[in-house]
Amino acid sequence: MTKKLSKEQQKIALEGATERPFSSPLNYEKRAGIYYCASCHTELFSSDAKYDSGSGWPSFFKPAKKEIIGTSTDYDIGYERVEVHCNNCGAHLGHVFEDGPKPTGLRYCINGAVLDFKPD
């Protein structure tokens, strides 16, 4: 990790915790811009790929670059999920599901606490 994180950010990024649904101000962010990893400031998602999934977490249908998002299998809640993390620093970001919109059909369900948003 390269940036000092808050206690909440540490629990999410380092321990795989999840923020409360609908608690992130980024759920309501509508401006054009870029979403960066809060830990290492790597570009993760563009506002062009953001949509309201109704899930309670900022959601995107694709990363800015496919190779910047890493995945692993997670069984923490009793069934298989695909965890996503920043390939640059390893920070846990959230999960990806196959119930998203076209064109990818993916929903990257991301904890807003581990994102930094910079408007255009």
Protein backbone atom coordinates (compact mmCIF):
# COMPACT_ATOMS: atom_id res chain seq x y z
CA MET A 1 0.00 0.00 0.00
CA THR A 2 1.29 3.44 -0.81
CA LYS A 3 -1.17 5.85 0.84
CA LYS A 4 -2.21 6.14 4.48
CA LEU A 5 -5.69 4.66 4.67
CA SER A 6 -8.46 5.32 7.19
CA LYS A 7 -9.45 2.47 9.53
CA GLU A 8 -12.46 1.67 7.33
CA GLN A 9 -10.33 1.68 4.19
CA GLN A 10 -7.78 -0.61 5.86
CA LYS A 11 -10.48 -3.10 6.89
CA ILE A 12 -11.79 -3.22 3.32
CA ALA A 13 -8.52 -3.05 1.35
CA LEU A 14 -6.40 -5.27 3.60
CA GLU A 15 -8.92 -7.56 5.32
CA GLY A 16 -11.60 -7.93 2.62
CA ALA A 17 -14.36 -6.26 4.64
CA THR A 18 -17.42 -4.68 3.02
CA GLU A 19 -18.86 -1.24 3.68
CA ARG A 20 -22.54 -0.90 4.53
CA PRO A 21 -24.77 -0.77 1.43
CA PHE A 22 -25.85 2.73 0.35
CA SER A 23 -23.22 4.30 2.67
CA SER A 24 -20.86 5.57 -0.04
CA PRO A 25 -21.35 9.07 -1.43
CA LEU A 26 -19.96 7.68 -4.71
CA ASN A 27 -23.27 5.86 -5.23
CA TYR A 28 -24.73 9.24 -6.08
CA GLU A 29 -21.80 10.65 -8.07
CA LYS A 30 -23.01 11.55 -11.58
CA ARG A 31 -20.13 13.67 -12.90
CA ALA A 32 -17.76 12.50 -15.62
CA GLY A 33 -14.38 11.44 -14.31
CA ILE A 34 -12.09 8.64 -13.21
CA TYR A 35 -12.24 6.34 -10.18
CA TYR A 36 -8.81 5.52 -8.72
CA CYS A 37 -7.60 3.02 -6.14
CA ALA A 38 -7.57 4.89 -2.81
CA SER A 39 -4.41 3.05 -1.81
CA CYS A 40 -2.09 3.42 -4.79
CA HIS A 41 -3.95 5.88 -7.06
CA THR A 42 -4.08 3.47 -10.01
CA GLU A 43 -6.87 4.24 -12.50
CA LEU A 44 -9.55 1.56 -12.05
CA PHE A 45 -12.83 2.68 -13.62
CA SER A 46 -14.22 5.44 -15.82
CA SER A 47 -17.53 7.15 -15.13
CA ASP A 48 -18.51 6.00 -18.65
CA ALA A 49 -18.76 2.44 -17.26
CA LYS A 50 -20.61 3.37 -14.05
CA TYR A 51 -24.31 2.60 -13.64
CA ASP A 52 -26.91 2.36 -10.88
CA SER A 53 -27.28 -1.34 -10.14
CA GLY A 54 -29.52 -0.75 -7.12
CA SER A 55 -27.15 -2.97 -5.11
CA GLY A 56 -26.03 -0.27 -2.68
CA TRP A 57 -22.44 -0.06 -3.92
CA PRO A 58 -20.87 1.84 -6.82
CA SER A 59 -21.15 -0.46 -9.85
CA PHE A 60 -19.31 -0.58 -13.15
CA PHE A 61 -19.69 -2.85 -16.20
CA LYS A 62 -15.96 -2.82 -17.07
CA PRO A 63 -12.63 -1.65 -15.65
CA ALA A 64 -10.57 1.09 -17.29
CA LYS A 65 -8.05 -1.60 -18.29
CA LYS A 66 -8.79 -5.30 -17.95
CA GLU A 67 -5.31 -6.11 -16.65
CA ILE A 68 -5.52 -3.70 -13.69
CA ILE A 69 -8.23 -5.78 -11.95
CA GLY A 70 -7.22 -9.12 -10.46
CA THR A 71 -9.65 -11.81 -9.33
CA SER A 72 -9.77 -14.68 -6.87
CA THR A 73 -12.44 -17.03 -5.55
CA ASP A 74 -14.09 -16.06 -2.26
CA TYR A 75 -16.25 -18.36 -0.08
CA ASP A 76 -16.55 -15.95 2.88
CA ILE A 77 -20.35 -15.94 2.99
CA GLY A 78 -20.90 -19.62 2.29
CA TYR A 79 -21.00 -19.65 -1.50
CA GLU A 80 -18.60 -18.93 -4.32
CA ARG A 81 -18.05 -15.32 -5.39
CA VAL A 82 -15.37 -13.68 -7.51
CA GLU A 83 -13.40 -11.15 -5.48
CA VAL A 84 -11.73 -8.26 -7.31
CA HIS A 85 -8.58 -6.48 -6.25
CA CYS A 86 -6.19 -3.86 -7.59
CA ASN A 87 -3.44 -5.67 -9.49
CA ASN A 88 -1.02 -2.85 -8.67
CA CYS A 89 -1.21 -2.89 -4.84
CA GLY A 90 -3.44 -5.88 -4.04
CA ALA A 91 -6.17 -3.87 -2.29
CA HIS A 92 -9.52 -5.68 -2.01
CA LEU A 93 -12.10 -3.69 -3.98
CA GLY A 94 -15.27 -5.78 -3.99
CA HIS A 95 -16.73 -8.50 -6.21
CA VAL A 96 -17.76 -9.04 -9.82
CA PHE A 97 -21.02 -10.72 -10.79
CA GLU A 98 -22.43 -11.87 -14.13
CA ASP A 99 -25.69 -9.92 -13.85
CA GLY A 100 -24.61 -6.58 -15.28
CA PRO A 101 -25.74 -4.64 -18.33
CA LYS A 102 -24.61 -4.93 -21.93
CA PRO A 103 -22.10 -4.86 -23.46
CA THR A 104 -20.16 -6.97 -20.89
CA GLY A 105 -22.92 -8.49 -18.73
CA LEU A 106 -20.68 -7.85 -15.72
CA ARG A 107 -21.32 -5.93 -12.50
CA TYR A 108 -18.20 -4.83 -10.67
CA CYS A 109 -19.68 -4.14 -7.24
CA ILE A 110 -17.04 -1.94 -5.58
CA ASN A 111 -16.67 -0.55 -2.07
CA GLY A 112 -16.72 3.22 -2.48
CA ALA A 113 -14.41 3.69 0.51
CA VAL A 114 -11.50 2.24 -1.47
CA LEU A 115 -12.09 4.51 -4.48
CA ASP A 116 -10.97 8.09 -5.05
CA PHE A 117 -13.02 9.96 -7.64
CA LYS A 118 -11.50 12.76 -9.72
CA PRO A 119 -13.96 14.66 -11.94
CA ASP A 120 -12.93 15.65 -15.47
